[in-house]
Amino acid sequence: MLDPIERVIAIIALLLGGYASSVGATIKILEYRNQRKKERLAQRSDDEAKG
């Protein structure tokens, strides 16, 4: 088994890895939403120009 110190280090590493991956996923979601918003605004301005 792991020593208590090694166990603590392993737990911290797991937590940091999960935190980093969730932050990366959050950033990707925000980028996607921002891109969709820009596309909708462009579509709306095209519709207004036609209308």
PDB file of N, CA and C in Angstrom:
ATOM      1  N   MET A   1       0.841  -1.205   0.000  1.00  0.00           N
ATOM      2  CA  MET A   1       0.000   0.000   0.000  1.00  0.00           C
ATOM      3  C   MET A   1       0.871   1.249   0.000  1.00  0.00           C
ATOM      4  N   LEU A   2       0.225   2.363  -0.257  1.00  0.00           N
ATOM      5  CA  LEU A   2       0.946   3.634  -0.276  1.00  0.00           C
ATOM      6  C   LEU A   2       1.159   4.150   1.134  1.00  0.00           C
ATOM      7  N   ASP A   3       2.243   4.880   1.299  1.00  0.00           N
ATOM      8  CA  ASP A   3       2.434   5.582   2.563  1.00  0.00           C
ATOM      9  C   ASP A   3       1.370   6.668   2.662  1.00  0.00           C
ATOM     10  N   PRO A   4       1.080   7.133   3.883  1.00  0.00           N
ATOM     11  CA  PRO A   4       0.069   8.206   4.021  1.00  0.00           C
ATOM     12  C   PRO A   4       0.413   9.440   3.195  1.00  0.00           C
ATOM     13  N   ILE A   5       1.692   9.810   3.135  1.00  0.00           N
ATOM     14  CA  ILE A   5       2.072  11.009   2.366  1.00  0.00           C
ATOM     15  C   ILE A   5       1.832  10.769   0.876  1.00  0.00           C
ATOM     16  N   GLU A   6       2.198   9.583   0.386  1.00  0.00           N
ATOM     17  CA  GLU A   6       1.968   9.273  -1.026  1.00  0.00           C
ATOM     18  C   GLU A   6       0.486   9.252  -1.347  1.00  0.00           C
ATOM     19  N   ARG A   7      -0.326   8.772  -0.399  1.00  0.00           N
ATOM     20  CA  ARG A   7      -1.767   8.735  -0.598  1.00  0.00           C
ATOM     21  C   ARG A   7      -2.316  10.156  -0.731  1.00  0.00           C
ATOM     22  N   VAL A   8      -1.865  11.057   0.138  1.00  0.00           N
ATOM     23  CA  VAL A   8      -2.319  12.457   0.075  1.00  0.00           C
ATOM     24  C   VAL A   8      -1.921  13.080  -1.256  1.00  0.00           C
ATOM     25  N   ILE A   9      -0.675  12.818  -1.691  1.00  0.00           N
ATOM     26  CA  ILE A   9      -0.214  13.379  -2.963  1.00  0.00           C
ATOM     27  C   ILE A   9      -1.059  12.836  -4.119  1.00  0.00           C
ATOM     28  N   ALA A  10      -1.388  11.545  -4.074  1.00  0.00           N
ATOM     29  CA  ALA A  10      -2.194  10.951  -5.137  1.00  0.00           C
ATOM     30  C   ALA A  10      -3.590  11.566  -5.167  1.00  0.00           C
ATOM     31  N   ILE A  11      -4.181  11.787  -4.000  1.00  0.00           N
ATOM     32  CA  ILE A  11      -5.514  12.394  -3.940  1.00  0.00           C
ATOM     33  C   ILE A  11      -5.482  13.813  -4.502  1.00  0.00           C
ATOM     34  N   ILE A  12      -4.460  14.577  -4.110  1.00  0.00           N
ATOM     35  CA  ILE A  12      -4.341  15.951  -4.614  1.00  0.00           C
ATOM     36  C   ILE A  12      -4.173  15.939  -6.130  1.00  0.00           C
ATOM     37  N   ALA A  13      -3.360  15.010  -6.640  1.00  0.00           N
ATOM     38  CA  ALA A  13      -3.153  14.939  -8.087  1.00  0.00           C
ATOM     39  C   ALA A  13      -4.463  14.617  -8.801  1.00  0.00           C
ATOM     40  N   LEU A  14      -5.246  13.690  -8.241  1.00  0.00           N
ATOM     41  CA  LEU A  14      -6.535  13.359  -8.849  1.00  0.00           C
ATOM     42  C   LEU A  14      -7.470  14.568  -8.843  1.00  0.00           C
ATOM     43  N   LEU A  15      -7.515  15.276  -7.722  1.00  0.00           N
ATOM     44  CA  LEU A  15      -8.394  16.444  -7.634  1.00  0.00           C
ATOM     45  C   LEU A  15      -7.971  17.522  -8.625  1.00  0.00           C
ATOM     46  N   LEU A  16      -6.657  17.757  -8.709  1.00  0.00           N
ATOM     47  CA  LEU A  16      -6.180  18.779  -9.646  1.00  0.00           C
ATOM     48  C   LEU A  16      -6.466  18.368 -11.084  1.00  0.00           C
ATOM     49  N   GLY A  17      -6.311  17.090 -11.400  1.00  0.00           N
ATOM     50  CA  GLY A  17      -6.606  16.620 -12.749  1.00  0.00           C
ATOM     51  C   GLY A  17      -8.077  16.799 -13.087  1.00  0.00           C
ATOM     52  N   GLY A  18      -8.959  16.455 -12.162  1.00  0.00           N
ATOM     53  CA  GLY A  18     -10.388  16.639 -12.394  1.00  0.00           C
ATOM     54  C   GLY A  18     -10.753  18.097 -12.523  1.00  0.00           C
ATOM     55  N   TYR A  19     -10.121  18.956 -11.707  1.00  0.00           N
ATOM     56  CA  TYR A  19     -10.386  20.393 -11.775  1.00  0.00           C
ATOM     57  C   TYR A  19      -9.949  20.943 -13.123  1.00  0.00           C
ATOM     58  N   ALA A  20      -8.748  20.556 -13.563  1.00  0.00           N
ATOM     59  CA  ALA A  20      -8.228  21.065 -14.829  1.00  0.00           C
ATOM     60  C   ALA A  20      -9.118  20.630 -15.989  1.00  0.00           C
ATOM     61  N   SER A  21      -9.574  19.378 -15.980  1.00  0.00           N
ATOM     62  CA  SER A  21     -10.399  18.914 -17.092  1.00  0.00           C
ATOM     63  C   SER A  21     -11.760  19.602 -17.082  1.00  0.00           C
ATOM     64  N   SER A  22     -12.319  19.869 -15.895  1.00  0.00           N
ATOM     65  CA  SER A  22     -13.617  20.545 -15.853  1.00  0.00           C
ATOM     66  C   SER A  22     -13.473  21.994 -16.306  1.00  0.00           C
ATOM     67  N   VAL A  23     -12.344  22.629 -15.964  1.00  0.00           N
ATOM     68  CA  VAL A  23     -12.113  24.004 -16.434  1.00  0.00           C
ATOM     69  C   VAL A  23     -11.984  24.014 -17.955  1.00  0.00           C
ATOM     70  N   GLY A  24     -11.258  23.034 -18.502  1.00  0.00           N
ATOM     71  CA  GLY A  24     -11.111  22.958 -19.953  1.00  0.00           C
ATOM     72  C   GLY A  24     -12.453  22.765 -20.636  1.00  0.00           C
ATOM     73  N   ALA A  25     -13.297  21.914 -20.072  1.00  0.00           N
ATOM     74  CA  ALA A  25     -14.618  21.682 -20.649  1.00  0.00           C
ATOM     75  C   ALA A  25     -15.463  22.954 -20.566  1.00  0.00           C
ATOM     76  N   THR A  26     -15.382  23.658 -19.442  1.00  0.00           N
ATOM     77  CA  THR A  26     -16.149  24.897 -19.278  1.00  0.00           C
ATOM     78  C   THR A  26     -15.718  25.937 -20.306  1.00  0.00           C
ATOM     79  N   ILE A  27     -14.410  26.047 -20.537  1.00  0.00           N
ATOM     80  CA  ILE A  27     -13.912  27.013 -21.517  1.00  0.00           C
ATOM     81  C   ILE A  27     -14.423  26.654 -22.911  1.00  0.00           C
ATOM     82  N   LYS A  28     -14.409  25.363 -23.245  1.00  0.00           N
ATOM     83  CA  LYS A  28     -14.898  24.952 -24.566  1.00  0.00           C
ATOM     84  C   LYS A  28     -16.384  25.277 -24.719  1.00  0.00           C
ATOM     85  N   ILE A  29     -17.168  25.051 -23.651  1.00  0.00           N
ATOM     86  CA  ILE A  29     -18.601  25.357 -23.712  1.00  0.00           C
ATOM     87  C   ILE A  29     -18.814  26.852 -23.918  1.00  0.00           C
ATOM     88  N   LEU A  30     -18.060  27.671 -23.185  1.00  0.00           N
ATOM     89  CA  LEU A  30     -18.212  29.119 -23.330  1.00  0.00           C
ATOM     90  C   LEU A  30     -17.810  29.576 -24.723  1.00  0.00           C
ATOM     91  N   GLU A  31     -16.731  29.014 -25.277  1.00  0.00           N
ATOM     92  CA  GLU A  31     -16.327  29.380 -26.631  1.00  0.00           C
ATOM     93  C   GLU A  31     -17.408  29.002 -27.633  1.00  0.00           C
ATOM     94  N   TYR A  32     -18.003  27.816 -27.453  1.00  0.00           N
ATOM     95  CA  TYR A  32     -19.047  27.357 -28.363  1.00  0.00           C
ATOM     96  C   TYR A  32     -20.260  28.282 -28.293  1.00  0.00           C
ATOM     97  N   ARG A  33     -20.670  28.639 -27.067  1.00  0.00           N
ATOM     98  CA  ARG A  33     -21.842  29.512 -26.912  1.00  0.00           C
ATOM     99  C   ARG A  33     -21.573  30.879 -27.521  1.00  0.00           C
ATOM    100  N   ASN A  34     -20.352  31.390 -27.335  1.00  0.00           N
ATOM    101  CA  ASN A  34     -20.005  32.691 -27.888  1.00  0.00           C
ATOM    102  C   ASN A  34     -20.034  32.646 -29.415  1.00  0.00           C
ATOM    103  N   GLN A  35     -19.542  31.559 -29.990  1.00  0.00           N
ATOM    104  CA  GLN A  35     -19.549  31.408 -31.444  1.00  0.00           C
ATOM    105  C   GLN A  35     -20.984  31.349 -31.959  1.00  0.00           C
ATOM    106  N   ARG A  36     -21.847  30.590 -31.273  1.00  0.00           N
ATOM    107  CA  ARG A  36     -23.247  30.487 -31.694  1.00  0.00           C
ATOM    108  C   ARG A  36     -23.929  31.857 -31.617  1.00  0.00           C
ATOM    109  N   LYS A  37     -23.609  32.629 -30.576  1.00  0.00           N
ATOM    110  CA  LYS A  37     -24.219  33.952 -30.427  1.00  0.00           C
ATOM    111  C   LYS A  37     -23.810  34.854 -31.594  1.00  0.00           C
ATOM    112  N   LYS A  38     -22.537  34.791 -31.979  1.00  0.00           N
ATOM    113  CA  LYS A  38     -22.069  35.596 -33.109  1.00  0.00           C
ATOM    114  C   LYS A  38     -22.782  35.179 -34.393  1.00  0.00           C
ATOM    115  N   GLU A  39     -22.960  33.860 -34.576  1.00  0.00           N
ATOM    116  CA  GLU A  39     -23.645  33.389 -35.780  1.00  0.00           C
ATOM    117  C   GLU A  39     -25.090  33.880 -35.810  1.00  0.00           C
ATOM    118  N   ARG A  40     -25.771  33.855 -34.648  1.00  0.00           N
ATOM    119  CA  ARG A  40     -27.159  34.330 -34.602  1.00  0.00           C
ATOM    120  C   ARG A  40     -27.236  35.826 -34.885  1.00  0.00           C
ATOM    121  N   LEU A  41     -26.284  36.598 -34.343  1.00  0.00           N
ATOM    122  CA  LEU A  41     -26.287  38.039 -34.598  1.00  0.00           C
ATOM    123  C   LEU A  41     -26.041  38.323 -36.075  1.00  0.00           C
ATOM    124  N   ALA A  42     -25.141  37.571 -36.701  1.00  0.00           N
ATOM    125  CA  ALA A  42     -24.880  37.754 -38.119  1.00  0.00           C
ATOM    126  C   ALA A  42     -26.122  37.402 -38.922  1.00  0.00           C
ATOM    127  N   GLN A  43     -26.802  36.326 -38.557  1.00  0.00           N
ATOM    128  CA  GLN A  43     -28.031  35.913 -39.251  1.00  0.00           C
ATOM    129  C   GLN A  43     -29.102  36.987 -39.113  1.00  0.00           C
ATOM    130  N   ARG A  44     -29.228  37.548 -37.903  1.00  0.00           N
ATOM    131  CA  ARG A  44     -30.243  38.560 -37.659  1.00  0.00           C
ATOM    132  C   ARG A  44     -29.965  39.804 -38.492  1.00  0.00           C
ATOM    133  N   SER A  45     -28.703  40.226 -38.571  1.00  0.00           N
ATOM    134  CA  SER A  45     -28.381  41.419 -39.339  1.00  0.00           C
ATOM    135  C   SER A  45     -28.605  41.154 -40.831  1.00  0.00           C
ATOM    136  N   ASP A  46     -28.360  39.918 -41.283  1.00  0.00           N
ATOM    137  CA  ASP A  46     -28.642  39.573 -42.682  1.00  0.00           C
ATOM    138  C   ASP A  46     -30.149  39.658 -42.938  1.00  0.00           C
ATOM    139  N   ASP A  47     -30.937  39.134 -42.019  1.00  0.00           N
ATOM    140  CA  ASP A  47     -32.398  39.172 -42.186  1.00  0.00           C
ATOM    141  C   ASP A  47     -32.902  40.611 -42.215  1.00  0.00           C
ATOM    142  N   GLU A  48     -32.347  41.460 -41.342  1.00  0.00           N
ATOM    143  CA  GLU A  48     -32.785  42.858 -41.325  1.00  0.00           C
ATOM    144  C   GLU A  48     -32.387  43.572 -42.616  1.00  0.00           C
ATOM    145  N   ALA A  49     -31.220  43.247 -43.160  1.00  0.00           N
ATOM    146  CA  ALA A  49     -30.785  43.871 -44.392  1.00  0.00           C
ATOM    147  C   ALA A  49     -31.696  43.467 -45.551  1.00  0.00           C
ATOM    148  N   LYS A  50     -32.151  42.213 -45.558  1.00  0.00           N
ATOM    149  CA  LYS A  50     -33.042  41.739 -46.600  1.00  0.00           C
ATOM    150  C   LYS A  50     -34.456  42.304 -46.422  1.00  0.00           C
ATOM    151  N   GLY A  51     -34.878  42.347 -45.148  1.00  0.00           N
ATOM    152  CA  GLY A  51     -36.258  42.723 -44.846  1.00  0.00           C
ATOM    153  C   GLY A  51     -36.501  44.180 -44.980  1.00  0.00           C
TER     154      GLY A  51
END
